[in-house]
Amino acid sequence: KIGPAKLVRVNKELTQANIVMGQSGVARDNPDYYAIQVMNYVLGGGGFSSRAMDSIRNERGLAYSVYSFFAAEKNHGTFEFVMQTKNESALEAIRIANDEIRRMREEPVSEQELNDAKDYLIGSFPLRFDTNRKVASFLAQVEYFKLGLDYPDRYADLIRNVNREEVLRVAKQYLHPETLITVIVGNLKKIAEK
């Protein structure tokens, strides 16, 4: 953990605010990596299917873009929650994003959310091989992260075996609202007026 939550404001004469909320994440060899991918899909990685998109953009119209991801490297990783919104709605969007992160830690995902996440992650996996360049890049990653040449054959089961209890456990273990660093780049006068 990196200490208490922190807010950094950067003033730019922009018509919309760019927001990144971040914290430390996990390394690629973390055994929870696949449960984390499923959890993040439900939270904010699933585009229009995600809770964050639903509550921040679809229900309230607060943001043009909303997504989250865990970037896992060899020895470390990061979690990022990214939004673009009007300056005037930046603070409300951040509040709701925090609420969704907390809800992920407190409420089990539904069977529908779980199955949608798994179906997408498994179904989109072959797109990693649809060009020669992607195949080469994928094989380099498999070697770099020591995933084993049978990794493509194992991937579907690694995702399929994730259950609702694991999703809740990894949300509690790896999402830390109290340590998030939030950076807002936007028109601070308009942000403050709201």
C-alpha atoms as a PDB file:
ATOM      1  CA  LYS A   1       0.000   0.000   0.000  1.00  0.00           C
ATOM      2  CA  ILE A   2       1.119   3.522  -0.729  1.00  0.00           C
ATOM      3  CA  GLY A   3      -0.457   5.498   2.083  1.00  0.00           C
ATOM      4  CA  PRO A   4      -3.668   7.493   2.366  1.00  0.00           C
ATOM      5  CA  ALA A   5      -5.680   8.544  -0.663  1.00  0.00           C
ATOM      6  CA  LYS A   6      -4.295  11.580  -2.416  1.00  0.00           C
ATOM      7  CA  LEU A   7      -5.749  14.095  -4.879  1.00  0.00           C
ATOM      8  CA  VAL A   8      -3.480  15.914  -7.336  1.00  0.00           C
ATOM      9  CA  ARG A   9      -4.927  18.764  -9.424  1.00  0.00           C
ATOM     10  CA  VAL A  10      -3.226  20.051 -12.577  1.00  0.00           C
ATOM     11  CA  ASN A  11      -4.652  23.207 -14.140  1.00  0.00           C
ATOM     12  CA  LYS A  12      -5.046  23.184 -17.935  1.00  0.00           C
ATOM     13  CA  GLU A  13      -7.453  25.236 -20.015  1.00  0.00           C
ATOM     14  CA  LEU A  14      -9.302  22.168 -21.278  1.00  0.00           C
ATOM     15  CA  THR A  15     -12.979  21.789 -22.072  1.00  0.00           C
ATOM     16  CA  GLN A  16     -13.021  18.470 -20.251  1.00  0.00           C
ATOM     17  CA  ALA A  17     -11.234  16.995 -17.296  1.00  0.00           C
ATOM     18  CA  ASN A  18      -8.948  13.993 -17.685  1.00  0.00           C
ATOM     19  CA  ILE A  19      -8.890  11.828 -14.567  1.00  0.00           C
ATOM     20  CA  VAL A  20      -6.659   8.917 -13.616  1.00  0.00           C
ATOM     21  CA  MET A  21      -7.123   7.123 -10.308  1.00  0.00           C
ATOM     22  CA  GLY A  22      -4.307   4.701  -9.594  1.00  0.00           C
ATOM     23  CA  GLN A  23      -2.632   2.413  -7.108  1.00  0.00           C
ATOM     24  CA  SER A  24      -0.156  -0.445  -7.041  1.00  0.00           C
ATOM     25  CA  GLY A  25      -1.349  -3.640  -8.669  1.00  0.00           C
ATOM     26  CA  VAL A  26       0.068  -7.132  -9.149  1.00  0.00           C
ATOM     27  CA  ALA A  27       2.920  -8.805 -10.994  1.00  0.00           C
ATOM     28  CA  ARG A  28       2.049 -11.040 -13.958  1.00  0.00           C
ATOM     29  CA  ASP A  29       2.969 -14.231 -12.108  1.00  0.00           C
ATOM     30  CA  ASN A  30       0.493 -13.544  -9.278  1.00  0.00           C
ATOM     31  CA  PRO A  31      -1.726 -16.651  -8.972  1.00  0.00           C
ATOM     32  CA  ASP A  32      -4.766 -14.366  -8.644  1.00  0.00           C
ATOM     33  CA  TYR A  33      -4.113 -12.754 -12.047  1.00  0.00           C
ATOM     34  CA  TYR A  34      -7.051 -14.467 -13.790  1.00  0.00           C
ATOM     35  CA  ALA A  35      -9.571 -13.782 -11.028  1.00  0.00           C
ATOM     36  CA  ILE A  36      -8.390 -10.155 -11.096  1.00  0.00           C
ATOM     37  CA  GLN A  37      -9.024  -9.976 -14.853  1.00  0.00           C
ATOM     38  CA  VAL A  38     -12.576 -11.245 -14.366  1.00  0.00           C
ATOM     39  CA  MET A  39     -13.157  -8.842 -11.464  1.00  0.00           C
ATOM     40  CA  ASN A  40     -11.809  -5.877 -13.415  1.00  0.00           C
ATOM     41  CA  TYR A  41     -13.988  -6.695 -16.433  1.00  0.00           C
ATOM     42  CA  VAL A  42     -17.058  -6.331 -14.208  1.00  0.00           C
ATOM     43  CA  LEU A  43     -15.739  -3.168 -12.548  1.00  0.00           C
ATOM     44  CA  GLY A  44     -14.542  -1.140 -15.518  1.00  0.00           C
ATOM     45  CA  GLY A  45     -12.707  -3.266 -18.056  1.00  0.00           C
ATOM     46  CA  GLY A  46     -15.790  -4.505 -19.867  1.00  0.00           C
ATOM     47  CA  GLY A  47     -16.634  -1.369 -21.827  1.00  0.00           C
ATOM     48  CA  PHE A  48     -20.383  -0.871 -21.980  1.00  0.00           C
ATOM     49  CA  SER A  49     -20.859  -4.036 -19.894  1.00  0.00           C
ATOM     50  CA  SER A  50     -19.006  -2.694 -16.857  1.00  0.00           C
ATOM     51  CA  ARG A  51     -20.517  -1.386 -13.634  1.00  0.00           C
ATOM     52  CA  ALA A  52     -18.490   1.821 -13.902  1.00  0.00           C
ATOM     53  CA  MET A  53     -19.709   2.586 -17.421  1.00  0.00           C
ATOM     54  CA  ASP A  54     -23.261   1.805 -16.379  1.00  0.00           C
ATOM     55  CA  SER A  55     -23.332   4.046 -13.311  1.00  0.00           C
ATOM     56  CA  ILE A  56     -21.053   6.882 -14.437  1.00  0.00           C
ATOM     57  CA  ARG A  57     -21.914   7.232 -18.125  1.00  0.00           C
ATOM     58  CA  ASN A  58     -25.167   5.435 -18.887  1.00  0.00           C
ATOM     59  CA  GLU A  59     -27.207   6.329 -15.781  1.00  0.00           C
ATOM     60  CA  ARG A  60     -25.829   9.793 -15.075  1.00  0.00           C
ATOM     61  CA  GLY A  61     -24.197  10.929 -18.319  1.00  0.00           C
ATOM     62  CA  LEU A  62     -21.150  12.139 -16.377  1.00  0.00           C
ATOM     63  CA  ALA A  63     -18.299  10.863 -18.520  1.00  0.00           C
ATOM     64  CA  TYR A  64     -17.457  10.363 -22.177  1.00  0.00           C
ATOM     65  CA  SER A  65     -14.977   7.620 -21.403  1.00  0.00           C
ATOM     66  CA  VAL A  66     -14.723   5.288 -18.394  1.00  0.00           C
ATOM     67  CA  TYR A  67     -12.510   2.239 -18.019  1.00  0.00           C
ATOM     68  CA  SER A  68     -10.208   0.429 -15.609  1.00  0.00           C
ATOM     69  CA  PHE A  69      -7.350  -2.013 -15.999  1.00  0.00           C
ATOM     70  CA  PHE A  70      -4.627  -3.909 -14.182  1.00  0.00           C
ATOM     71  CA  ALA A  71      -1.308  -3.607 -16.020  1.00  0.00           C
ATOM     72  CA  ALA A  72       0.854  -6.487 -14.812  1.00  0.00           C
ATOM     73  CA  GLU A  73       4.592  -6.463 -15.419  1.00  0.00           C
ATOM     74  CA  LYS A  74       7.298  -8.929 -14.480  1.00  0.00           C
ATOM     75  CA  ASN A  75       7.918  -7.701 -10.942  1.00  0.00           C
ATOM     76  CA  HIS A  76       5.133  -5.220 -10.289  1.00  0.00           C
ATOM     77  CA  GLY A  77       1.887  -3.848 -11.658  1.00  0.00           C
ATOM     78  CA  THR A  78      -0.554  -0.978 -11.498  1.00  0.00           C
ATOM     79  CA  PHE A  79      -4.298  -0.519 -11.289  1.00  0.00           C
ATOM     80  CA  GLU A  80      -5.786   2.450 -13.128  1.00  0.00           C
ATOM     81  CA  PHE A  81      -9.302   3.823 -13.338  1.00  0.00           C
ATOM     82  CA  VAL A  82      -9.500   6.384 -16.158  1.00  0.00           C
ATOM     83  CA  MET A  83     -12.245   8.886 -17.028  1.00  0.00           C
ATOM     84  CA  GLN A  84     -12.870  11.884 -19.247  1.00  0.00           C
ATOM     85  CA  THR A  85     -15.693  14.171 -18.199  1.00  0.00           C
ATOM     86  CA  LYS A  86     -16.817  17.796 -18.180  1.00  0.00           C
ATOM     87  CA  ASN A  87     -14.828  19.909 -15.736  1.00  0.00           C
ATOM     88  CA  GLU A  88     -18.017  20.637 -13.811  1.00  0.00           C
ATOM     89  CA  SER A  89     -18.792  16.953 -13.230  1.00  0.00           C
ATOM     90  CA  ALA A  90     -15.239  15.775 -12.439  1.00  0.00           C
ATOM     91  CA  LEU A  91     -15.601  15.613  -8.656  1.00  0.00           C
ATOM     92  CA  GLU A  92     -18.943  13.807  -8.845  1.00  0.00           C
ATOM     93  CA  ALA A  93     -17.521  11.287 -11.329  1.00  0.00           C
ATOM     94  CA  ILE A  94     -14.605  10.629  -8.941  1.00  0.00           C
ATOM     95  CA  ARG A  95     -17.021  10.151  -6.050  1.00  0.00           C
ATOM     96  CA  ILE A  96     -19.060   7.601  -7.999  1.00  0.00           C
ATOM     97  CA  ALA A  97     -15.915   5.816  -9.215  1.00  0.00           C
ATOM     98  CA  ASN A  98     -14.839   5.451  -5.586  1.00  0.00           C
ATOM     99  CA  ASP A  99     -18.312   4.139  -4.741  1.00  0.00           C
ATOM    100  CA  GLU A 100     -18.061   1.524  -7.503  1.00  0.00           C
ATOM    101  CA  ILE A 101     -14.621   0.414  -6.326  1.00  0.00           C
ATOM    102  CA  ARG A 102     -15.955   0.054  -2.781  1.00  0.00           C
ATOM    103  CA  ARG A 103     -19.068  -1.791  -4.035  1.00  0.00           C
ATOM    104  CA  MET A 104     -16.820  -4.227  -5.885  1.00  0.00           C
ATOM    105  CA  ARG A 105     -15.172  -5.032  -2.532  1.00  0.00           C
ATOM    106  CA  GLU A 106     -18.472  -5.396  -0.682  1.00  0.00           C
ATOM    107  CA  GLU A 107     -20.994  -7.012  -3.052  1.00  0.00           C
ATOM    108  CA  PRO A 108     -20.483 -10.325  -4.829  1.00  0.00           C
ATOM    109  CA  VAL A 109     -20.875 -10.124  -8.585  1.00  0.00           C
ATOM    110  CA  SER A 110     -24.006 -11.698 -10.013  1.00  0.00           C
ATOM    111  CA  GLU A 111     -23.889 -14.966 -11.949  1.00  0.00           C
ATOM    112  CA  GLN A 112     -24.761 -12.953 -15.065  1.00  0.00           C
ATOM    113  CA  GLU A 113     -21.874 -10.529 -14.527  1.00  0.00           C
ATOM    114  CA  LEU A 114     -19.506 -13.427 -13.879  1.00  0.00           C
ATOM    115  CA  ASN A 115     -20.585 -15.348 -16.964  1.00  0.00           C
ATOM    116  CA  ASP A 116     -20.530 -12.277 -19.215  1.00  0.00           C
ATOM    117  CA  ALA A 117     -16.976 -11.513 -18.087  1.00  0.00           C
ATOM    118  CA  LYS A 118     -15.792 -15.071 -18.657  1.00  0.00           C
ATOM    119  CA  ASP A 119     -17.503 -15.326 -22.049  1.00  0.00           C
ATOM    120  CA  TYR A 120     -15.869 -12.118 -23.238  1.00  0.00           C
ATOM    121  CA  LEU A 121     -12.382 -12.915 -21.938  1.00  0.00           C
ATOM    122  CA  ILE A 122     -12.438 -16.425 -23.415  1.00  0.00           C
ATOM    123  CA  GLY A 123     -14.205 -15.404 -26.628  1.00  0.00           C
ATOM    124  CA  SER A 124     -11.854 -12.517 -27.396  1.00  0.00           C
ATOM    125  CA  PHE A 125      -8.688 -14.524 -26.677  1.00  0.00           C
ATOM    126  CA  PRO A 126      -8.282 -15.751 -30.312  1.00  0.00           C
ATOM    127  CA  LEU A 127      -8.086 -12.107 -31.464  1.00  0.00           C
ATOM    128  CA  ARG A 128      -4.571 -12.104 -30.018  1.00  0.00           C
ATOM    129  CA  PHE A 129      -3.534 -14.339 -32.946  1.00  0.00           C
ATOM    130  CA  ASP A 130      -5.290 -12.776 -35.932  1.00  0.00           C
ATOM    131  CA  THR A 131      -2.128 -11.316 -37.495  1.00  0.00           C
ATOM    132  CA  ASN A 132       1.448 -12.558 -37.741  1.00  0.00           C
ATOM    133  CA  ARG A 133       2.610  -9.553 -35.737  1.00  0.00           C
ATOM    134  CA  LYS A 134       0.205 -10.396 -32.902  1.00  0.00           C
ATOM    135  CA  VAL A 135       1.308 -14.048 -32.890  1.00  0.00           C
ATOM    136  CA  ALA A 136       4.955 -13.001 -32.615  1.00  0.00           C
ATOM    137  CA  SER A 137       4.167 -10.508 -29.863  1.00  0.00           C
ATOM    138  CA  PHE A 138       2.056 -13.055 -27.980  1.00  0.00           C
ATOM    139  CA  LEU A 139       4.771 -15.718 -28.129  1.00  0.00           C
ATOM    140  CA  ALA A 140       7.352 -13.197 -26.932  1.00  0.00           C
ATOM    141  CA  GLN A 141       5.114 -12.388 -23.941  1.00  0.00           C
ATOM    142  CA  VAL A 142       4.574 -16.085 -23.200  1.00  0.00           C
ATOM    143  CA  GLU A 143       8.341 -16.554 -23.117  1.00  0.00           C
ATOM    144  CA  TYR A 144       9.043 -13.335 -21.193  1.00  0.00           C
ATOM    145  CA  PHE A 145       6.509 -14.152 -18.465  1.00  0.00           C
ATOM    146  CA  LYS A 146       7.365 -17.893 -18.544  1.00  0.00           C
ATOM    147  CA  LEU A 147       3.727 -18.898 -19.113  1.00  0.00           C
ATOM    148  CA  GLY A 148       4.581 -22.111 -20.973  1.00  0.00           C
ATOM    149  CA  LEU A 149       3.931 -22.980 -24.595  1.00  0.00           C
ATOM    150  CA  ASP A 150       0.689 -24.709 -23.584  1.00  0.00           C
ATOM    151  CA  TYR A 151      -0.647 -21.391 -22.235  1.00  0.00           C
ATOM    152  CA  PRO A 152      -3.095 -20.871 -25.144  1.00  0.00           C
ATOM    153  CA  ASP A 153      -4.580 -24.303 -24.397  1.00  0.00           C
ATOM    154  CA  ARG A 154      -4.858 -23.570 -20.661  1.00  0.00           C
ATOM    155  CA  TYR A 155      -6.166 -19.995 -20.839  1.00  0.00           C
ATOM    156  CA  ALA A 156      -9.882 -20.793 -21.189  1.00  0.00           C
ATOM    157  CA  ASP A 157      -9.837 -23.060 -18.128  1.00  0.00           C
ATOM    158  CA  LEU A 158      -7.873 -20.509 -16.100  1.00  0.00           C
ATOM    159  CA  ILE A 159     -10.697 -18.026 -16.704  1.00  0.00           C
ATOM    160  CA  ARG A 160     -13.534 -20.576 -16.583  1.00  0.00           C
ATOM    161  CA  ASN A 161     -12.474 -21.789 -13.132  1.00  0.00           C
ATOM    162  CA  VAL A 162     -12.894 -18.338 -11.524  1.00  0.00           C
ATOM    163  CA  ASN A 163     -15.941 -18.201  -9.238  1.00  0.00           C
ATOM    164  CA  ARG A 164     -17.904 -15.433  -7.522  1.00  0.00           C
ATOM    165  CA  GLU A 165     -16.178 -15.980  -4.177  1.00  0.00           C
ATOM    166  CA  GLU A 166     -12.742 -15.518  -5.762  1.00  0.00           C
ATOM    167  CA  VAL A 167     -13.859 -12.331  -7.509  1.00  0.00           C
ATOM    168  CA  LEU A 168     -14.983 -10.852  -4.190  1.00  0.00           C
ATOM    169  CA  ARG A 169     -11.801 -12.028  -2.450  1.00  0.00           C
ATOM    170  CA  VAL A 170      -9.465 -10.442  -5.022  1.00  0.00           C
ATOM    171  CA  ALA A 171     -11.486  -7.215  -5.024  1.00  0.00           C
ATOM    172  CA  LYS A 172     -11.005  -6.973  -1.258  1.00  0.00           C
ATOM    173  CA  GLN A 173      -7.347  -7.943  -1.508  1.00  0.00           C
ATOM    174  CA  TYR A 174      -6.203  -5.833  -4.466  1.00  0.00           C
ATOM    175  CA  LEU A 175      -8.507  -2.800  -4.640  1.00  0.00           C
ATOM    176  CA  HIS A 176      -7.534  -0.219  -2.035  1.00  0.00           C
ATOM    177  CA  PRO A 177      -9.777   2.887  -2.190  1.00  0.00           C
ATOM    178  CA  GLU A 178      -7.937   4.328   0.800  1.00  0.00           C
ATOM    179  CA  THR A 179      -4.625   4.443  -1.100  1.00  0.00           C
ATOM    180  CA  LEU A 180      -5.796   5.627  -4.517  1.00  0.00           C
ATOM    181  CA  ILE A 181      -3.892   8.534  -6.007  1.00  0.00           C
ATOM    182  CA  THR A 182      -6.282  10.601  -8.115  1.00  0.00           C
ATOM    183  CA  VAL A 183      -4.940  13.025 -10.712  1.00  0.00           C
ATOM    184  CA  ILE A 184      -7.296  15.550 -12.331  1.00  0.00           C
ATOM    185  CA  VAL A 185      -6.047  17.523 -15.327  1.00  0.00           C
ATOM    186  CA  GLY A 186      -8.558  20.197 -16.272  1.00  0.00           C
ATOM    187  CA  ASN A 187      -9.884  23.699 -15.728  1.00  0.00           C
ATOM    188  CA  LEU A 188      -9.540  23.905 -11.949  1.00  0.00           C
ATOM    189  CA  LYS A 189     -11.702  27.028 -11.688  1.00  0.00           C
ATOM    190  CA  LYS A 190     -14.659  25.225 -13.263  1.00  0.00           C
ATOM    191  CA  ILE A 191     -13.928  22.078 -11.242  1.00  0.00           C
ATOM    192  CA  ALA A 192     -13.855  24.081  -7.986  1.00  0.00           C
ATOM    193  CA  GLU A 193     -17.061  25.972  -8.812  1.00  0.00           C
ATOM    194  CA  LYS A 194     -18.945  22.701  -8.805  1.00  0.00           C
END
